[in-house]
Amino acid sequence: MSENLMSINIQIADRHYRVRVKPDDEQAVRKTISIINDKIIAFKNSFPGKDMQDYISMVLLWYATESNTKTVSLADEKDILEKLNQIEKLLMGV
């Protein structure tokens, strides 16, 4: 399982971690970490006085909601494409 994995150092909030990722996934992981840290800062500005665990929980909830919304959107997109294909077949038959 550890074949072709590379170690990278990441930081989430005030914690540093060393994780192993596939080289092809490094950029995506770093981008995700950047988004997470940006959201932590945004929540800190919107809700001052909370502790770091609260901010991380807020980001986790935001990220899970975003992921769920995108999954639903992809399902809707599949339905739309299927209906467009049906319309195209009907038009080709005319």
N, C-alpha and C. Protein backbone atom coordinates (compact mmCIF):
# COMPACT_ATOMS: atom_id res chain seq x y z
N MET A 1 0.82 -1.19 0.00
CA MET A 1 0.00 0.00 0.00
C MET A 1 0.86 1.25 0.00
N SER A 2 2.05 1.20 0.55
CA SER A 2 2.89 2.39 0.66
C SER A 2 3.72 2.64 -0.59
N GLU A 3 3.55 1.80 -1.61
CA GLU A 3 4.33 1.99 -2.82
C GLU A 3 3.87 3.26 -3.54
N ASN A 4 4.82 3.96 -4.11
CA ASN A 4 4.57 5.18 -4.86
C ASN A 4 3.94 6.31 -4.05
N LEU A 5 4.15 6.31 -2.74
CA LEU A 5 3.67 7.40 -1.91
C LEU A 5 4.83 8.30 -1.53
N MET A 6 4.54 9.58 -1.41
CA MET A 6 5.56 10.53 -0.98
C MET A 6 5.08 11.23 0.28
N SER A 7 6.01 11.63 1.12
CA SER A 7 5.67 12.34 2.34
C SER A 7 5.66 13.84 2.07
N ILE A 8 4.62 14.50 2.57
CA ILE A 8 4.56 15.95 2.48
C ILE A 8 4.19 16.50 3.86
N ASN A 9 4.61 17.71 4.12
CA ASN A 9 4.26 18.38 5.36
C ASN A 9 3.11 19.34 5.08
N ILE A 10 2.08 19.24 5.91
CA ILE A 10 0.94 20.15 5.77
C ILE A 10 0.66 20.80 7.11
N GLN A 11 -0.08 21.89 7.06
CA GLN A 11 -0.50 22.57 8.28
C GLN A 11 -1.99 22.86 8.18
N ILE A 12 -2.71 22.42 9.19
CA ILE A 12 -4.13 22.75 9.31
C ILE A 12 -4.26 23.54 10.60
N ALA A 13 -4.73 24.78 10.45
CA ALA A 13 -4.82 25.72 11.57
C ALA A 13 -3.44 25.87 12.19
N ASP A 14 -3.30 25.51 13.45
CA ASP A 14 -2.01 25.68 14.12
C ASP A 14 -1.27 24.36 14.32
N ARG A 15 -1.68 23.33 13.61
CA ARG A 15 -1.06 22.01 13.74
C ARG A 15 -0.35 21.61 12.46
N HIS A 16 0.80 20.97 12.62
CA HIS A 16 1.57 20.47 11.48
C HIS A 16 1.44 18.95 11.42
N TYR A 17 1.33 18.44 10.21
CA TYR A 17 1.20 17.01 9.99
C TYR A 17 2.09 16.58 8.84
N ARG A 18 2.56 15.36 8.92
CA ARG A 18 3.31 14.76 7.82
C ARG A 18 2.43 13.64 7.29
N VAL A 19 2.04 13.75 6.03
CA VAL A 19 1.15 12.75 5.43
C VAL A 19 1.79 12.17 4.19
N ARG A 20 1.34 10.98 3.84
CA ARG A 20 1.85 10.31 2.64
C ARG A 20 0.74 10.31 1.60
N VAL A 21 1.09 10.78 0.41
CA VAL A 21 0.12 10.88 -0.68
C VAL A 21 0.76 10.38 -1.97
N LYS A 22 -0.08 10.06 -2.93
CA LYS A 22 0.42 9.74 -4.26
C LYS A 22 0.94 11.03 -4.89
N PRO A 23 2.03 10.96 -5.63
CA PRO A 23 2.56 12.18 -6.26
C PRO A 23 1.52 12.91 -7.11
N ASP A 24 0.65 12.17 -7.78
CA ASP A 24 -0.39 12.80 -8.60
C ASP A 24 -1.42 13.56 -7.76
N ASP A 25 -1.55 13.18 -6.49
CA ASP A 25 -2.55 13.80 -5.62
C ASP A 25 -2.00 14.97 -4.80
N GLU A 26 -0.70 15.19 -4.85
CA GLU A 26 -0.09 16.21 -3.99
C GLU A 26 -0.72 17.59 -4.20
N GLN A 27 -0.86 18.00 -5.44
CA GLN A 27 -1.39 19.33 -5.71
C GLN A 27 -2.83 19.46 -5.20
N ALA A 28 -3.64 18.45 -5.39
CA ALA A 28 -5.03 18.49 -4.92
C ALA A 28 -5.09 18.55 -3.40
N VAL A 29 -4.22 17.79 -2.73
CA VAL A 29 -4.18 17.81 -1.27
C VAL A 29 -3.78 19.20 -0.78
N ARG A 30 -2.75 19.76 -1.37
CA ARG A 30 -2.29 21.09 -0.95
C ARG A 30 -3.37 22.16 -1.21
N LYS A 31 -4.08 22.04 -2.31
CA LYS A 31 -5.15 22.99 -2.61
C LYS A 31 -6.28 22.86 -1.58
N THR A 32 -6.62 21.62 -1.23
CA THR A 32 -7.66 21.38 -0.24
C THR A 32 -7.26 21.95 1.11
N ILE A 33 -6.00 21.75 1.50
CA ILE A 33 -5.51 22.28 2.77
C ILE A 33 -5.58 23.81 2.75
N SER A 34 -5.24 24.41 1.64
CA SER A 34 -5.32 25.86 1.51
C SER A 34 -6.76 26.35 1.68
N ILE A 35 -7.70 25.67 1.06
CA ILE A 35 -9.12 26.03 1.19
C ILE A 35 -9.56 25.90 2.64
N ILE A 36 -9.17 24.81 3.29
CA ILE A 36 -9.53 24.59 4.69
C ILE A 36 -8.99 25.72 5.56
N ASN A 37 -7.72 26.06 5.39
CA ASN A 37 -7.12 27.12 6.20
C ASN A 37 -7.76 28.47 5.92
N ASP A 38 -8.10 28.74 4.67
CA ASP A 38 -8.79 29.99 4.33
C ASP A 38 -10.16 30.05 5.01
N LYS A 39 -10.87 28.94 5.04
CA LYS A 39 -12.17 28.89 5.69
C LYS A 39 -12.05 29.07 7.20
N ILE A 40 -11.01 28.49 7.79
CA ILE A 40 -10.78 28.68 9.23
C ILE A 40 -10.63 30.16 9.52
N ILE A 41 -9.84 30.86 8.72
CA ILE A 41 -9.63 32.30 8.91
C ILE A 41 -10.96 33.05 8.74
N ALA A 42 -11.74 32.67 7.74
CA ALA A 42 -13.03 33.33 7.51
C ALA A 42 -13.96 33.14 8.71
N PHE A 43 -14.01 31.92 9.25
CA PHE A 43 -14.86 31.67 10.41
C PHE A 43 -14.33 32.39 11.64
N LYS A 44 -13.01 32.49 11.79
CA LYS A 44 -12.44 33.23 12.92
C LYS A 44 -12.85 34.70 12.85
N ASN A 45 -12.89 35.25 11.64
CA ASN A 45 -13.30 36.65 11.48
C ASN A 45 -14.80 36.83 11.71
N SER A 46 -15.59 35.85 11.31
CA SER A 46 -17.05 35.95 11.46
C SER A 46 -17.52 35.64 12.87
N PHE A 47 -16.82 34.76 13.55
CA PHE A 47 -17.22 34.32 14.89
C PHE A 47 -16.05 34.41 15.86
N PRO A 48 -15.63 35.63 16.21
CA PRO A 48 -14.47 35.76 17.10
C PRO A 48 -14.75 35.21 18.50
N GLY A 49 -13.70 34.77 19.16
CA GLY A 49 -13.82 34.32 20.53
C GLY A 49 -14.02 32.83 20.71
N LYS A 50 -14.14 32.09 19.63
CA LYS A 50 -14.29 30.64 19.72
C LYS A 50 -12.91 29.99 19.82
N ASP A 51 -12.87 28.71 20.19
CA ASP A 51 -11.57 28.05 20.18
C ASP A 51 -11.36 27.35 18.84
N MET A 52 -10.14 26.91 18.61
CA MET A 52 -9.76 26.35 17.31
C MET A 52 -10.60 25.13 16.95
N GLN A 53 -10.95 24.31 17.93
CA GLN A 53 -11.77 23.13 17.64
C GLN A 53 -13.13 23.54 17.08
N ASP A 54 -13.69 24.65 17.59
CA ASP A 54 -14.96 25.14 17.05
C ASP A 54 -14.82 25.53 15.59
N TYR A 55 -13.74 26.24 15.26
CA TYR A 55 -13.53 26.66 13.88
C TYR A 55 -13.33 25.47 12.95
N ILE A 56 -12.58 24.49 13.42
CA ILE A 56 -12.35 23.29 12.60
C ILE A 56 -13.67 22.53 12.41
N SER A 57 -14.50 22.48 13.45
CA SER A 57 -15.81 21.84 13.32
C SER A 57 -16.68 22.57 12.31
N MET A 58 -16.64 23.91 12.34
CA MET A 58 -17.41 24.69 11.37
C MET A 58 -16.95 24.40 9.95
N VAL A 59 -15.64 24.31 9.77
CA VAL A 59 -15.10 24.02 8.44
C VAL A 59 -15.50 22.61 8.00
N LEU A 60 -15.45 21.67 8.91
CA LEU A 60 -15.84 20.29 8.60
C LEU A 60 -17.30 20.25 8.13
N LEU A 61 -18.18 20.94 8.85
CA LEU A 61 -19.59 20.98 8.46
C LEU A 61 -19.75 21.65 7.11
N TRP A 62 -19.05 22.77 6.89
CA TRP A 62 -19.12 23.48 5.60
C TRP A 62 -18.64 22.57 4.47
N TYR A 63 -17.51 21.89 4.68
CA TYR A 63 -16.92 21.05 3.64
C TYR A 63 -17.84 19.87 3.30
N ALA A 64 -18.41 19.25 4.34
CA ALA A 64 -19.31 18.12 4.11
C ALA A 64 -20.56 18.57 3.36
N THR A 65 -21.07 19.74 3.70
CA THR A 65 -22.24 20.28 3.01
C THR A 65 -21.92 20.59 1.56
N GLU A 66 -20.76 21.19 1.31
CA GLU A 66 -20.33 21.49 -0.06
C GLU A 66 -20.20 20.20 -0.88
N SER A 67 -19.59 19.19 -0.28
CA SER A 67 -19.41 17.92 -0.99
C SER A 67 -20.75 17.28 -1.32
N ASN A 68 -21.67 17.31 -0.36
CA ASN A 68 -23.00 16.73 -0.57
C ASN A 68 -23.75 17.49 -1.66
N THR A 69 -23.65 18.80 -1.65
CA THR A 69 -24.33 19.62 -2.66
C THR A 69 -23.78 19.32 -4.04
N LYS A 70 -22.47 19.17 -4.16
CA LYS A 70 -21.86 18.87 -5.45
C LYS A 70 -22.27 17.49 -5.93
N THR A 71 -22.39 16.53 -5.01
CA THR A 71 -22.81 15.19 -5.38
C THR A 71 -24.23 15.22 -5.93
N VAL A 72 -25.09 15.97 -5.28
CA VAL A 72 -26.47 16.11 -5.75
C VAL A 72 -26.48 16.79 -7.11
N SER A 73 -25.66 17.81 -7.28
CA SER A 73 -25.60 18.51 -8.56
C SER A 73 -25.15 17.59 -9.68
N LEU A 74 -24.17 16.72 -9.38
CA LEU A 74 -23.71 15.77 -10.39
C LEU A 74 -24.82 14.79 -10.77
N ALA A 75 -25.60 14.37 -9.78
CA ALA A 75 -26.71 13.47 -10.07
C ALA A 75 -27.74 14.18 -10.94
N ASP A 76 -28.03 15.44 -10.63
CA ASP A 76 -28.96 16.22 -11.45
C ASP A 76 -28.42 16.37 -12.86
N GLU A 77 -27.12 16.61 -12.97
CA GLU A 77 -26.49 16.77 -14.28
C GLU A 77 -26.64 15.50 -15.11
N LYS A 78 -26.49 14.34 -14.46
CA LYS A 78 -26.66 13.07 -15.17
C LYS A 78 -28.07 12.94 -15.72
N ASP A 79 -29.06 13.30 -14.89
CA ASP A 79 -30.45 13.24 -15.34
C ASP A 79 -30.70 14.16 -16.52
N ILE A 80 -30.16 15.36 -16.46
CA ILE A 80 -30.32 16.32 -17.55
C ILE A 80 -29.70 15.79 -18.83
N LEU A 81 -28.49 15.24 -18.73
CA LEU A 81 -27.83 14.68 -19.91
C LEU A 81 -28.63 13.53 -20.50
N GLU A 82 -29.17 12.71 -19.64
CA GLU A 82 -29.97 11.57 -20.11
C GLU A 82 -31.21 12.07 -20.86
N LYS A 83 -31.87 13.08 -20.31
CA LYS A 83 -33.05 13.63 -20.97
C LYS A 83 -32.68 14.30 -22.29
N LEU A 84 -31.56 15.00 -22.33
CA LEU A 84 -31.11 15.61 -23.58
C LEU A 84 -30.81 14.55 -24.64
N ASN A 85 -30.22 13.45 -24.22
CA ASN A 85 -29.96 12.34 -25.16
C ASN A 85 -31.27 11.77 -25.70
N GLN A 86 -32.28 11.65 -24.85
CA GLN A 86 -33.58 11.16 -25.30
C GLN A 86 -34.20 12.12 -26.31
N ILE A 87 -34.10 13.42 -26.03
CA ILE A 87 -34.64 14.43 -26.95
C ILE A 87 -33.90 14.38 -28.28
N GLU A 88 -32.58 14.22 -28.20
CA GLU A 88 -31.78 14.15 -29.43
C GLU A 88 -32.20 12.94 -30.27
N LYS A 89 -32.43 11.80 -29.62
CA LYS A 89 -32.86 10.61 -30.35
C LYS A 89 -34.22 10.84 -31.01
N LEU A 90 -35.11 11.52 -30.30
CA LEU A 90 -36.42 11.82 -30.88
C LEU A 90 -36.28 12.74 -32.08
N LEU A 91 -35.42 13.74 -31.98
CA LEU A 91 -35.22 14.68 -33.08
C LEU A 91 -34.57 14.00 -34.28
N MET A 92 -33.67 13.09 -34.03
CA MET A 92 -32.99 12.38 -35.12
C MET A 92 -33.98 11.48 -35.85
N GLY A 93 -35.00 11.01 -35.16
CA GLY A 93 -35.99 10.15 -35.77
C GLY A 93 -37.00 10.92 -36.61
N VAL A 94 -37.06 12.22 -36.42
CA VAL A 94 -38.04 13.04 -37.15
C VAL A 94 -37.56 13.38 -38.52
